[in-house]
Amino acid sequence: MSSGKVLLGVLAGVAAGALLGILFAPEKGSDTRKKISKKAEGYTDTIKEKFNEFVNDISEKYEKVKEGVDDFAGNGKHKTDKEAKTAAS
């Protein structure tokens, strides 16, 4: 299972649990709506942070793979050039 799916599942579970806890609390509706609004802002900020971390992690991995492919291609070109020179001699 990918880390993105696990993170999404955990965040959805936390959000659902918090929402149910607030909705079943014995308080006035206006107080409950204020709490939901505050919690939603907090979760939005957390999700944005986690998403940015995820994007940065993917970008770093992409760059590493790209460098590896470039190195591999460069080595392959060097070997083919060397073989072509050897064959021409």
PDB file of N, CA and C in Angstrom:
ATOM      1  N   MET A   1       0.849  -1.164   0.000  1.00  0.00           N
ATOM      2  CA  MET A   1       0.000   0.000   0.000  1.00  0.00           C
ATOM      3  C   MET A   1       0.900   1.235   0.000  1.00  0.00           C
ATOM      4  N   SER A   2       0.596   2.239  -0.816  1.00  0.00           N
ATOM      5  CA  SER A   2       1.451   3.413  -0.915  1.00  0.00           C
ATOM      6  C   SER A   2       1.239   4.333   0.281  1.00  0.00           C
ATOM      7  N   SER A   3       2.271   5.117   0.564  1.00  0.00           N
ATOM      8  CA  SER A   3       2.202   6.022   1.710  1.00  0.00           C
ATOM      9  C   SER A   3       1.134   7.087   1.510  1.00  0.00           C
ATOM     10  N   GLY A   4       0.867   7.466   0.262  1.00  0.00           N
ATOM     11  CA  GLY A   4      -0.168   8.458  -0.013  1.00  0.00           C
ATOM     12  C   GLY A   4      -1.546   7.959   0.378  1.00  0.00           C
ATOM     13  N   LYS A   5      -1.816   6.686   0.082  1.00  0.00           N
ATOM     14  CA  LYS A   5      -3.116   6.109   0.438  1.00  0.00           C
ATOM     15  C   LYS A   5      -3.253   5.964   1.946  1.00  0.00           C
ATOM     16  N   VAL A   6      -2.173   5.585   2.599  1.00  0.00           N
ATOM     17  CA  VAL A   6      -2.210   5.441   4.056  1.00  0.00           C
ATOM     18  C   VAL A   6      -2.451   6.801   4.701  1.00  0.00           C
ATOM     19  N   LEU A   7      -1.735   7.826   4.226  1.00  0.00           N
ATOM     20  CA  LEU A   7      -1.898   9.173   4.773  1.00  0.00           C
ATOM     21  C   LEU A   7      -3.321   9.668   4.568  1.00  0.00           C
ATOM     22  N   LEU A   8      -3.843   9.463   3.382  1.00  0.00           N
ATOM     23  CA  LEU A   8      -5.215   9.887   3.101  1.00  0.00           C
ATOM     24  C   LEU A   8      -6.216   9.169   3.998  1.00  0.00           C
ATOM     25  N   GLY A   9      -6.023   7.874   4.208  1.00  0.00           N
ATOM     26  CA  GLY A   9      -6.913   7.100   5.072  1.00  0.00           C
ATOM     27  C   GLY A   9      -6.863   7.570   6.517  1.00  0.00           C
ATOM     28  N   VAL A  10      -5.654   7.852   6.995  1.00  0.00           N
ATOM     29  CA  VAL A  10      -5.502   8.326   8.380  1.00  0.00           C
ATOM     30  C   VAL A  10      -6.171   9.685   8.541  1.00  0.00           C
ATOM     31  N   LEU A  11      -5.929  10.593   7.601  1.00  0.00           N
ATOM     32  CA  LEU A  11      -6.540  11.921   7.696  1.00  0.00           C
ATOM     33  C   LEU A  11      -8.063  11.844   7.623  1.00  0.00           C
ATOM     34  N   ALA A  12      -8.583  10.992   6.757  1.00  0.00           N
ATOM     35  CA  ALA A  12     -10.042  10.848   6.658  1.00  0.00           C
ATOM     36  C   ALA A  12     -10.610  10.281   7.955  1.00  0.00           C
ATOM     37  N   GLY A  13      -9.931   9.313   8.553  1.00  0.00           N
ATOM     38  CA  GLY A  13     -10.392   8.738   9.819  1.00  0.00           C
ATOM     39  C   GLY A  13     -10.381   9.741  10.950  1.00  0.00           C
ATOM     40  N   VAL A  14      -9.323  10.529  11.011  1.00  0.00           N
ATOM     41  CA  VAL A  14      -9.224  11.557  12.056  1.00  0.00           C
ATOM     42  C   VAL A  14     -10.326  12.598  11.877  1.00  0.00           C
ATOM     43  N   ALA A  15     -10.531  13.022  10.640  1.00  0.00           N
ATOM     44  CA  ALA A  15     -11.563  14.029  10.373  1.00  0.00           C
ATOM     45  C   ALA A  15     -12.958  13.493  10.718  1.00  0.00           C
ATOM     46  N   ALA A  16     -13.237  12.256  10.348  1.00  0.00           N
ATOM     47  CA  ALA A  16     -14.548  11.669  10.634  1.00  0.00           C
ATOM     48  C   ALA A  16     -14.759  11.521  12.139  1.00  0.00           C
ATOM     49  N   GLY A  17     -13.732  11.080  12.842  1.00  0.00           N
ATOM     50  CA  GLY A  17     -13.843  10.924  14.296  1.00  0.00           C
ATOM     51  C   GLY A  17     -14.068  12.251  14.997  1.00  0.00           C
ATOM     52  N   ALA A  18     -13.335  13.272  14.575  1.00  0.00           N
ATOM     53  CA  ALA A  18     -13.499  14.593  15.185  1.00  0.00           C
ATOM     54  C   ALA A  18     -14.892  15.151  14.901  1.00  0.00           C
ATOM     55  N   LEU A  19     -15.340  14.989  13.680  1.00  0.00           N
ATOM     56  CA  LEU A  19     -16.662  15.495  13.315  1.00  0.00           C
ATOM     57  C   LEU A  19     -17.763  14.801  14.114  1.00  0.00           C
ATOM     58  N   LEU A  20     -17.687  13.489  14.228  1.00  0.00           N
ATOM     59  CA  LEU A  20     -18.701  12.762  15.007  1.00  0.00           C
ATOM     60  C   LEU A  20     -18.642  13.152  16.484  1.00  0.00           C
ATOM     61  N   GLY A  21     -17.461  13.325  17.005  1.00  0.00           N
ATOM     62  CA  GLY A  21     -17.322  13.736  18.402  1.00  0.00           C
ATOM     63  C   GLY A  21     -17.953  15.089  18.665  1.00  0.00           C
ATOM     64  N   ILE A  22     -17.748  16.014  17.751  1.00  0.00           N
ATOM     65  CA  ILE A  22     -18.318  17.352  17.914  1.00  0.00           C
ATOM     66  C   ILE A  22     -19.832  17.327  17.731  1.00  0.00           C
ATOM     67  N   LEU A  23     -20.312  16.578  16.737  1.00  0.00           N
ATOM     68  CA  LEU A  23     -21.755  16.548  16.475  1.00  0.00           C
ATOM     69  C   LEU A  23     -22.553  15.918  17.612  1.00  0.00           C
ATOM     70  N   PHE A  24     -21.964  14.958  18.314  1.00  0.00           N
ATOM     71  CA  PHE A  24     -22.678  14.302  19.409  1.00  0.00           C
ATOM     72  C   PHE A  24     -22.440  14.967  20.766  1.00  0.00           C
ATOM     73  N   ALA A  25     -21.682  16.053  20.773  1.00  0.00           N
ATOM     74  CA  ALA A  25     -21.444  16.768  22.024  1.00  0.00           C
ATOM     75  C   ALA A  25     -22.706  17.534  22.419  1.00  0.00           C
ATOM     76  N   PRO A  26     -23.008  17.576  23.698  1.00  0.00           N
ATOM     77  CA  PRO A  26     -24.239  18.260  24.148  1.00  0.00           C
ATOM     78  C   PRO A  26     -24.034  19.773  24.299  1.00  0.00           C
ATOM     79  N   GLU A  27     -23.915  20.478  23.186  1.00  0.00           N
ATOM     80  CA  GLU A  27     -23.755  21.934  23.212  1.00  0.00           C
ATOM     81  C   GLU A  27     -24.736  22.569  22.237  1.00  0.00           C
ATOM     82  N   LYS A  28     -24.825  23.891  22.305  1.00  0.00           N
ATOM     83  CA  LYS A  28     -25.689  24.621  21.385  1.00  0.00           C
ATOM     84  C   LYS A  28     -25.165  24.475  19.964  1.00  0.00           C
ATOM     85  N   GLY A  29     -26.061  24.564  19.007  1.00  0.00           N
ATOM     86  CA  GLY A  29     -25.693  24.431  17.601  1.00  0.00           C
ATOM     87  C   GLY A  29     -24.675  25.460  17.146  1.00  0.00           C
ATOM     88  N   SER A  30     -24.823  26.710  17.601  1.00  0.00           N
ATOM     89  CA  SER A  30     -23.887  27.760  17.180  1.00  0.00           C
ATOM     90  C   SER A  30     -22.480  27.462  17.702  1.00  0.00           C
ATOM     91  N   ASP A  31     -22.390  26.968  18.946  1.00  0.00           N
ATOM     92  CA  ASP A  31     -21.076  26.605  19.491  1.00  0.00           C
ATOM     93  C   ASP A  31     -20.467  25.436  18.713  1.00  0.00           C
ATOM     94  N   THR A  32     -21.311  24.479  18.368  1.00  0.00           N
ATOM     95  CA  THR A  32     -20.837  23.317  17.617  1.00  0.00           C
ATOM     96  C   THR A  32     -20.339  23.741  16.233  1.00  0.00           C
ATOM     97  N   ARG A  33     -21.082  24.634  15.576  1.00  0.00           N
ATOM     98  CA  ARG A  33     -20.651  25.106  14.253  1.00  0.00           C
ATOM     99  C   ARG A  33     -19.324  25.854  14.335  1.00  0.00           C
ATOM    100  N   LYS A  34     -19.135  26.642  15.376  1.00  0.00           N
ATOM    101  CA  LYS A  34     -17.863  27.353  15.560  1.00  0.00           C
ATOM    102  C   LYS A  34     -16.713  26.363  15.746  1.00  0.00           C
ATOM    103  N   LYS A  35     -16.966  25.329  16.538  1.00  0.00           N
ATOM    104  CA  LYS A  35     -15.931  24.313  16.751  1.00  0.00           C
ATOM    105  C   LYS A  35     -15.596  23.592  15.449  1.00  0.00           C
ATOM    106  N   ILE A  36     -16.625  23.251  14.686  1.00  0.00           N
ATOM    107  CA  ILE A  36     -16.406  22.569  13.406  1.00  0.00           C
ATOM    108  C   ILE A  36     -15.582  23.464  12.488  1.00  0.00           C
ATOM    109  N   SER A  37     -15.918  24.742  12.456  1.00  0.00           N
ATOM    110  CA  SER A  37     -15.194  25.680  11.601  1.00  0.00           C
ATOM    111  C   SER A  37     -13.717  25.779  12.004  1.00  0.00           C
ATOM    112  N   LYS A  38     -13.461  25.863  13.302  1.00  0.00           N
ATOM    113  CA  LYS A  38     -12.078  25.948  13.784  1.00  0.00           C
ATOM    114  C   LYS A  38     -11.306  24.667  13.472  1.00  0.00           C
ATOM    115  N   LYS A  39     -11.958  23.532  13.702  1.00  0.00           N
ATOM    116  CA  LYS A  39     -11.307  22.246  13.409  1.00  0.00           C
ATOM    117  C   LYS A  39     -11.015  22.123  11.917  1.00  0.00           C
ATOM    118  N   ALA A  40     -11.963  22.544  11.086  1.00  0.00           N
ATOM    119  CA  ALA A  40     -11.775  22.455   9.639  1.00  0.00           C
ATOM    120  C   ALA A  40     -10.581  23.295   9.202  1.00  0.00           C
ATOM    121  N   GLU A  41     -10.424  24.476   9.778  1.00  0.00           N
ATOM    122  CA  GLU A  41      -9.271  25.321   9.449  1.00  0.00           C
ATOM    123  C   GLU A  41      -7.974  24.620   9.836  1.00  0.00           C
ATOM    124  N   GLY A  42      -7.961  24.013  11.009  1.00  0.00           N
ATOM    125  CA  GLY A  42      -6.765  23.298  11.464  1.00  0.00           C
ATOM    126  C   GLY A  42      -6.436  22.118  10.556  1.00  0.00           C
ATOM    127  N   TYR A  43      -7.463  21.362  10.170  1.00  0.00           N
ATOM    128  CA  TYR A  43      -7.237  20.210   9.292  1.00  0.00           C
ATOM    129  C   TYR A  43      -6.801  20.660   7.900  1.00  0.00           C
ATOM    130  N   THR A  44      -7.368  21.770   7.437  1.00  0.00           N
ATOM    131  CA  THR A  44      -6.979  22.292   6.129  1.00  0.00           C
ATOM    132  C   THR A  44      -5.500  22.648   6.117  1.00  0.00           C
ATOM    133  N   ASP A  45      -5.046  23.317   7.178  1.00  0.00           N
ATOM    134  CA  ASP A  45      -3.633  23.669   7.264  1.00  0.00           C
ATOM    135  C   ASP A  45      -2.759  22.419   7.316  1.00  0.00           C
ATOM    136  N   THR A  46      -3.184  21.442   8.090  1.00  0.00           N
ATOM    137  CA  THR A  46      -2.417  20.195   8.209  1.00  0.00           C
ATOM    138  C   THR A  46      -2.356  19.464   6.877  1.00  0.00           C
ATOM    139  N   ILE A  47      -3.477  19.396   6.185  1.00  0.00           N
ATOM    140  CA  ILE A  47      -3.507  18.720   4.887  1.00  0.00           C
ATOM    141  C   ILE A  47      -2.622  19.442   3.885  1.00  0.00           C
ATOM    142  N   LYS A  48      -2.645  20.775   3.900  1.00  0.00           N
ATOM    143  CA  LYS A  48      -1.788  21.536   2.988  1.00  0.00           C
ATOM    144  C   LYS A  48      -0.314  21.244   3.267  1.00  0.00           C
ATOM    145  N   GLU A  49       0.059  21.215   4.544  1.00  0.00           N
ATOM    146  CA  GLU A  49       1.445  20.927   4.914  1.00  0.00           C
ATOM    147  C   GLU A  49       1.851  19.526   4.456  1.00  0.00           C
ATOM    148  N   LYS A  50       0.997  18.549   4.737  1.00  0.00           N
ATOM    149  CA  LYS A  50       1.302  17.173   4.345  1.00  0.00           C
ATOM    150  C   LYS A  50       1.377  17.036   2.825  1.00  0.00           C
ATOM    151  N   PHE A  51       0.491  17.708   2.121  1.00  0.00           N
ATOM    152  CA  PHE A  51       0.513  17.649   0.666  1.00  0.00           C
ATOM    153  C   PHE A  51       1.804  18.252   0.123  1.00  0.00           C
ATOM    154  N   ASN A  52       2.209  19.389   0.684  1.00  0.00           N
ATOM    155  CA  ASN A  52       3.452  20.020   0.247  1.00  0.00           C
ATOM    156  C   ASN A  52       4.656  19.119   0.530  1.00  0.00           C
ATOM    157  N   GLU A  53       4.668  18.466   1.688  1.00  0.00           N
ATOM    158  CA  GLU A  53       5.738  17.519   1.999  1.00  0.00           C
ATOM    159  C   GLU A  53       5.741  16.368   0.993  1.00  0.00           C
ATOM    160  N   PHE A  54       4.567  15.869   0.666  1.00  0.00           N
ATOM    161  CA  PHE A  54       4.431  14.771  -0.287  1.00  0.00           C
ATOM    162  C   PHE A  54       4.949  15.190  -1.663  1.00  0.00           C
ATOM    163  N   VAL A  55       4.565  16.385  -2.115  1.00  0.00           N
ATOM    164  CA  VAL A  55       5.012  16.885  -3.419  1.00  0.00           C
ATOM    165  C   VAL A  55       6.531  17.062  -3.423  1.00  0.00           C
ATOM    166  N   ASN A  56       7.079  17.610  -2.342  1.00  0.00           N
ATOM    167  CA  ASN A  56       8.530  17.786  -2.267  1.00  0.00           C
ATOM    168  C   ASN A  56       9.243  16.440  -2.299  1.00  0.00           C
ATOM    169  N   ASP A  57       8.708  15.465  -1.591  1.00  0.00           N
ATOM    170  CA  ASP A  57       9.310  14.133  -1.566  1.00  0.00           C
ATOM    171  C   ASP A  57       9.290  13.506  -2.959  1.00  0.00           C
ATOM    172  N   ILE A  58       8.167  13.617  -3.642  1.00  0.00           N
ATOM    173  CA  ILE A  58       8.050  13.079  -4.998  1.00  0.00           C
ATOM    174  C   ILE A  58       9.009  13.801  -5.934  1.00  0.00           C
ATOM    175  N   SER A  59       9.134  15.114  -5.787  1.00  0.00           N
ATOM    176  CA  SER A  59      10.038  15.886  -6.641  1.00  0.00           C
ATOM    177  C   SER A  59      11.485  15.452  -6.437  1.00  0.00           C
ATOM    178  N   GLU A  60      11.869  15.235  -5.179  1.00  0.00           N
ATOM    179  CA  GLU A  60      13.232  14.784  -4.890  1.00  0.00           C
ATOM    180  C   GLU A  60      13.483  13.409  -5.504  1.00  0.00           C
ATOM    181  N   LYS A  61      12.527  12.513  -5.360  1.00  0.00           N
ATOM    182  CA  LYS A  61      12.684  11.177  -5.934  1.00  0.00           C
ATOM    183  C   LYS A  61      12.755  11.250  -7.458  1.00  0.00           C
ATOM    184  N   TYR A  62      11.956  12.100  -8.060  1.00  0.00           N
ATOM    185  CA  TYR A  62      11.988  12.278  -9.509  1.00  0.00           C
ATOM    186  C   TYR A  62      13.363  12.756  -9.962  1.00  0.00           C
ATOM    187  N   GLU A  63      13.917  13.739  -9.261  1.00  0.00           N
ATOM    188  CA  GLU A  63      15.239  14.266  -9.619  1.00  0.00           C
ATOM    189  C   GLU A  63      16.313  13.187  -9.499  1.00  0.00           C
ATOM    190  N   LYS A  64      16.236  12.357  -8.441  1.00  0.00           N
ATOM    191  CA  LYS A  64      17.211  11.282  -8.283  1.00  0.00           C
ATOM    192  C   LYS A  64      17.109  10.278  -9.427  1.00  0.00           C
ATOM    193  N   VAL A  65      15.894   9.915  -9.789  1.00  0.00           N
ATOM    194  CA  VAL A  65      15.703   8.973 -10.892  1.00  0.00           C
ATOM    195  C   VAL A  65      16.191   9.591 -12.195  1.00  0.00           C
ATOM    196  N   LYS A  66      15.883  10.856 -12.398  1.00  0.00           N
ATOM    197  CA  LYS A  66      16.308  11.554 -13.607  1.00  0.00           C
ATOM    198  C   LYS A  66      17.832  11.573 -13.704  1.00  0.00           C
ATOM    199  N   GLU A  67      18.513  11.874 -12.597  1.00  0.00           N
ATOM    200  CA  GLU A  67      19.968  11.870 -12.587  1.00  0.00           C
ATOM    201  C   GLU A  67      20.510  10.480 -12.893  1.00  0.00           C
ATOM    202  N   GLY A  68      19.881   9.461 -12.314  1.00  0.00           N
ATOM    203  CA  GLY A  68      20.303   8.089 -12.569  1.00  0.00           C
ATOM    204  C   GLY A  68      20.157   7.713 -14.036  1.00  0.00           C
ATOM    205  N   VAL A  69      19.049   8.113 -14.632  1.00  0.00           N
ATOM    206  CA  VAL A  69      18.812   7.826 -16.051  1.00  0.00           C
ATOM    207  C   VAL A  69      19.827   8.573 -16.906  1.00  0.00           C
ATOM    208  N   ASP A  70      20.088   9.838 -16.559  1.00  0.00           N
ATOM    209  CA  ASP A  70      21.078  10.612 -17.315  1.00  0.00           C
ATOM    210  C   ASP A  70      22.458   9.968 -17.226  1.00  0.00           C
ATOM    211  N   ASP A  71      22.843   9.535 -16.031  1.00  0.00           N
ATOM    212  CA  ASP A  71      24.132   8.859 -15.855  1.00  0.00           C
ATOM    213  C   ASP A  71      24.173   7.568 -16.654  1.00  0.00           C
ATOM    214  N   PHE A  72      23.110   6.806 -16.576  1.00  0.00           N
ATOM    215  CA  PHE A  72      23.034   5.539 -17.308  1.00  0.00           C
ATOM    216  C   PHE A  72      23.132   5.777 -18.813  1.00  0.00           C
ATOM    217  N   ALA A  73      22.419   6.773 -19.297  1.00  0.00           N
ATOM    218  CA  ALA A  73      22.449   7.088 -20.726  1.00  0.00           C
ATOM    219  C   ALA A  73      23.837   7.577 -21.133  1.00  0.00           C
ATOM    220  N   GLY A  74      24.459   8.378 -20.295  1.00  0.00           N
ATOM    221  CA  GLY A  74      25.804   8.867 -20.584  1.00  0.00           C
ATOM    222  C   GLY A  74      26.811   7.730 -20.639  1.00  0.00           C
ATOM    223  N   ASN A  75      26.712   6.794 -19.709  1.00  0.00           N
ATOM    224  CA  ASN A  75      27.606   5.634 -19.697  1.00  0.00           C
ATOM    225  C   ASN A  75      27.368   4.769 -20.926  1.00  0.00           C
ATOM    226  N   GLY A  76      26.129   4.582 -21.308  1.00  0.00           N
ATOM    227  CA  GLY A  76      25.810   3.784 -22.480  1.00  0.00           C
ATOM    228  C   GLY A  76      26.351   4.422 -23.747  1.00  0.00           C
ATOM    229  N   LYS A  77      26.239   5.746 -23.844  1.00  0.00           N
ATOM    230  CA  LYS A  77      26.758   6.460 -25.015  1.00  0.00           C
ATOM    231  C   LYS A  77      28.273   6.341 -25.056  1.00  0.00           C
ATOM    232  N   HIS A  78      28.913   6.466 -23.916  1.00  0.00           N
ATOM    233  CA  HIS A  78      30.366   6.349 -23.846  1.00  0.00           C
ATOM    234  C   HIS A  78      30.803   4.959 -24.312  1.00  0.00           C
ATOM    235  N   LYS A  79      30.099   3.929 -23.856  1.00  0.00           N
ATOM    236  CA  LYS A  79      30.449   2.557 -24.238  1.00  0.00           C
ATOM    237  C   LYS A  79      30.240   2.324 -25.721  1.00  0.00           C
ATOM    238  N   THR A  80      29.137   2.842 -26.287  1.00  0.00           N
ATOM    239  CA  THR A  80      28.889   2.643 -27.718  1.00  0.00           C
ATOM    240  C   THR A  80      29.904   3.409 -28.552  1.00  0.00           C
ATOM    241  N   ASP A  81      30.286   4.605 -28.114  1.00  0.00           N
ATOM    242  CA  ASP A  81      31.316   5.361 -28.825  1.00  0.00           C
ATOM    243  C   ASP A  81      32.644   4.609 -28.797  1.00  0.00           C
ATOM    244  N   LYS A  82      32.967   4.026 -27.640  1.00  0.00           N
ATOM    245  CA  LYS A  82      34.214   3.275 -27.485  1.00  0.00           C
ATOM    246  C   LYS A  82      34.189   2.041 -28.396  1.00  0.00           C
ATOM    247  N   GLU A  83      33.055   1.342 -28.425  1.00  0.00           N
ATOM    248  CA  GLU A  83      32.928   0.155 -29.275  1.00  0.00           C
ATOM    249  C   GLU A  83      33.015   0.542 -30.757  1.00  0.00           C
ATOM    250  N   ALA A  84      32.435   1.688 -31.111  1.00  0.00           N
ATOM    251  CA  ALA A  84      32.480   2.128 -32.517  1.00  0.00           C
ATOM    252  C   ALA A  84      33.919   2.441 -32.922  1.00  0.00           C
ATOM    253  N   LYS A  85      34.670   3.068 -32.035  1.00  0.00           N
ATOM    254  CA  LYS A  85      36.072   3.362 -32.328  1.00  0.00           C
ATOM    255  C   LYS A  85      36.880   2.072 -32.457  1.00  0.00           C
ATOM    256  N   THR A  86      36.599   1.121 -31.581  1.00  0.00           N
ATOM    257  CA  THR A  86      37.314  -0.164 -31.605  1.00  0.00           C
ATOM    258  C   THR A  86      36.995  -0.908 -32.913  1.00  0.00           C
ATOM    259  N   ALA A  87      35.746  -0.861 -33.329  1.00  0.00           N
ATOM    260  CA  ALA A  87      35.330  -1.561 -34.543  1.00  0.00           C
ATOM    261  C   ALA A  87      35.922  -0.897 -35.782  1.00  0.00           C
ATOM    262  N   ALA A  88      36.078   0.413 -35.750  1.00  0.00           N
ATOM    263  CA  ALA A  88      36.606   1.151 -36.894  1.00  0.00           C
ATOM    264  C   ALA A  88      38.113   0.940 -37.032  1.00  0.00           C
ATOM    265  N   SER A  89      38.785   0.577 -35.967  1.00  0.00           N
ATOM    266  CA  SER A  89      40.246   0.402 -36.019  1.00  0.00           C
ATOM    267  C   SER A  89      40.682  -0.866 -36.639  1.00  0.00           C
TER     268      SER A  89
END
